[in-house]
Protein backbone atom coordinates (compact mmCIF):
# COMPACT_ATOMS: atom_id res chain seq x y z
CA MET A 1 70.60 -103.98 22.39
CA PHE A 2 66.98 -105.03 21.88
CA SER A 3 67.62 -108.08 19.70
CA MET A 4 66.73 -110.46 22.55
CA PHE A 5 63.54 -108.46 23.23
CA TYR A 6 62.12 -108.65 19.70
CA THR A 7 61.56 -112.37 19.36
CA HIS A 8 58.24 -112.66 17.48
CA ASN A 9 57.82 -112.63 13.72
CA ILE A 10 54.75 -110.73 12.58
CA THR A 11 53.28 -109.89 9.19
CA VAL A 12 51.95 -106.41 8.53
CA THR A 13 49.31 -105.95 5.83
CA ARG A 14 48.69 -102.53 4.33
CA SER A 15 45.63 -102.15 2.11
CA SER A 16 44.75 -99.26 -0.14
CA THR A 17 41.58 -98.76 -2.15
CA THR A 18 41.29 -96.76 -5.34
CA ILE A 19 38.14 -95.86 -7.25
CA ASP A 20 38.30 -95.53 -11.02
CA LYS A 21 35.61 -93.00 -11.92
CA SER A 22 36.53 -92.97 -15.60
CA VAL A 23 34.30 -96.02 -16.15
CA TYR A 24 30.67 -96.58 -15.37
CA PRO A 25 29.86 -97.94 -12.90
CA PRO A 26 32.94 -96.77 -10.97
CA LYS A 27 35.35 -99.62 -10.33
CA GLU A 28 36.86 -100.08 -6.86
CA THR A 29 40.22 -101.82 -6.56
CA THR A 30 41.88 -102.87 -3.31
CA ILE A 31 45.60 -103.63 -3.22
CA SER A 32 47.20 -105.32 -0.20
CA ILE A 33 50.93 -105.25 0.45
CA THR A 34 52.52 -107.35 3.18
CA HIS A 35 55.89 -107.17 4.87
CA ASP A 36 57.43 -108.97 7.83
CA LEU A 37 58.71 -107.37 11.03
CA THR A 38 60.24 -108.69 14.22
CA GLY A 39 58.60 -107.44 17.39
CA PHE A 40 57.30 -108.55 20.76
CA MET A 41 53.65 -109.53 21.26
CA ASP A 42 52.62 -109.10 24.87
CA THR A 43 49.48 -109.89 26.84
CA PRO A 44 48.15 -106.66 28.35
CA GLU A 45 47.67 -106.22 32.06
CA THR A 46 44.15 -106.30 33.48
CA SER A 47 44.30 -102.56 34.23
CA GLU A 48 45.16 -101.83 30.58
CA LYS A 49 42.26 -103.99 29.39
CA GLU A 50 39.92 -102.19 31.78
CA SER A 51 41.11 -98.81 30.55
CA TYR A 52 40.28 -99.75 26.95
CA LYS A 53 36.97 -101.27 28.03
CA ASN A 54 36.04 -97.88 29.51
CA MET A 55 36.62 -96.42 26.02
CA GLU A 56 34.36 -99.16 24.60
CA LYS A 57 37.28 -100.95 22.91
CA THR A 58 38.60 -104.46 23.42
CA LEU A 59 42.35 -104.80 23.98
CA SER A 60 43.67 -108.25 23.04
CA ARG A 61 47.45 -107.77 22.77
CA GLN A 62 50.18 -105.14 22.91
CA LEU A 63 52.78 -105.09 20.15
CA TYR A 64 56.22 -103.62 20.79
CA LEU A 65 58.38 -102.66 17.81
CA PRO A 66 61.59 -100.71 17.31
CA TYR A 67 60.94 -96.98 16.89
CA GLY A 68 60.56 -96.08 13.22
CA ALA A 69 59.28 -99.52 12.16
CA ASP A 70 57.24 -99.51 8.94
CA ILE A 71 53.73 -99.68 10.41
CA LYS A 72 50.69 -97.38 10.26
CA ALA A 73 47.52 -97.15 12.34
CA THR A 74 45.49 -98.45 9.37
CA ASP A 75 47.55 -101.65 8.95
CA THR A 76 46.57 -105.10 10.18
CA VAL A 77 48.95 -107.43 12.00
CA THR A 78 49.11 -111.23 11.75
CA PHE A 79 50.83 -113.25 14.47
CA GLU A 80 50.65 -117.05 14.70
CA ASN A 81 47.82 -117.11 12.11
CA VAL A 82 45.69 -114.66 14.13
CA LYS A 83 44.82 -111.26 12.66
CA TYR A 84 44.71 -108.09 14.72
CA ARG A 85 43.75 -104.51 13.98
CA ILE A 86 45.35 -101.49 15.58
CA ILE A 87 42.92 -99.79 17.99
CA GLY A 88 44.93 -96.84 19.25
CA ASP A 89 47.90 -94.58 18.75
CA LEU A 90 51.43 -95.82 18.11
CA GLU A 91 52.99 -94.74 21.40
CA ASP A 92 56.66 -93.81 21.76
CA GLN A 93 57.58 -95.58 25.01
CA GLY A 94 59.18 -93.08 27.37
CA GLY A 95 59.72 -90.57 24.56
CA GLN A 96 63.14 -92.10 23.93
CA HIS A 97 62.63 -92.93 20.22
CA GLU A 98 63.61 -96.55 20.84
CA VAL A 99 60.39 -98.57 21.29
CA ILE A 100 56.79 -98.09 20.17
CA LYS A 101 53.80 -99.77 21.80
CA ILE A 102 50.77 -100.56 19.69
CA PRO A 103 47.41 -101.71 21.13
CA LEU A 104 45.75 -104.51 19.13
CA ASN A 105 42.35 -106.16 19.00
CA ARG A 106 41.79 -109.61 17.54
CA ILE A 107 39.73 -109.56 14.34
């Protein structure tokens, strides 16, 4: 049903940091895992940008993904060689468990 809606290929990067305290000095290791998703990158409306500006955040894009997509609020998103970070909650559009909207800010 939504296959024509999700037309953009994005890459999601999930990083995790571990600290090995068994050695001195403690050693910090960061591991990044990437996976690709198909979604829809949208330009937010002026009113949406203003709403985020009032919260002292900059809204660059809105990402729409199928509900249940493998993405977390701590992930970063790359679209057309531009990196974005998630700046708000993953919102279930209409409470229908079909589409999630994710606010992004360009890094």
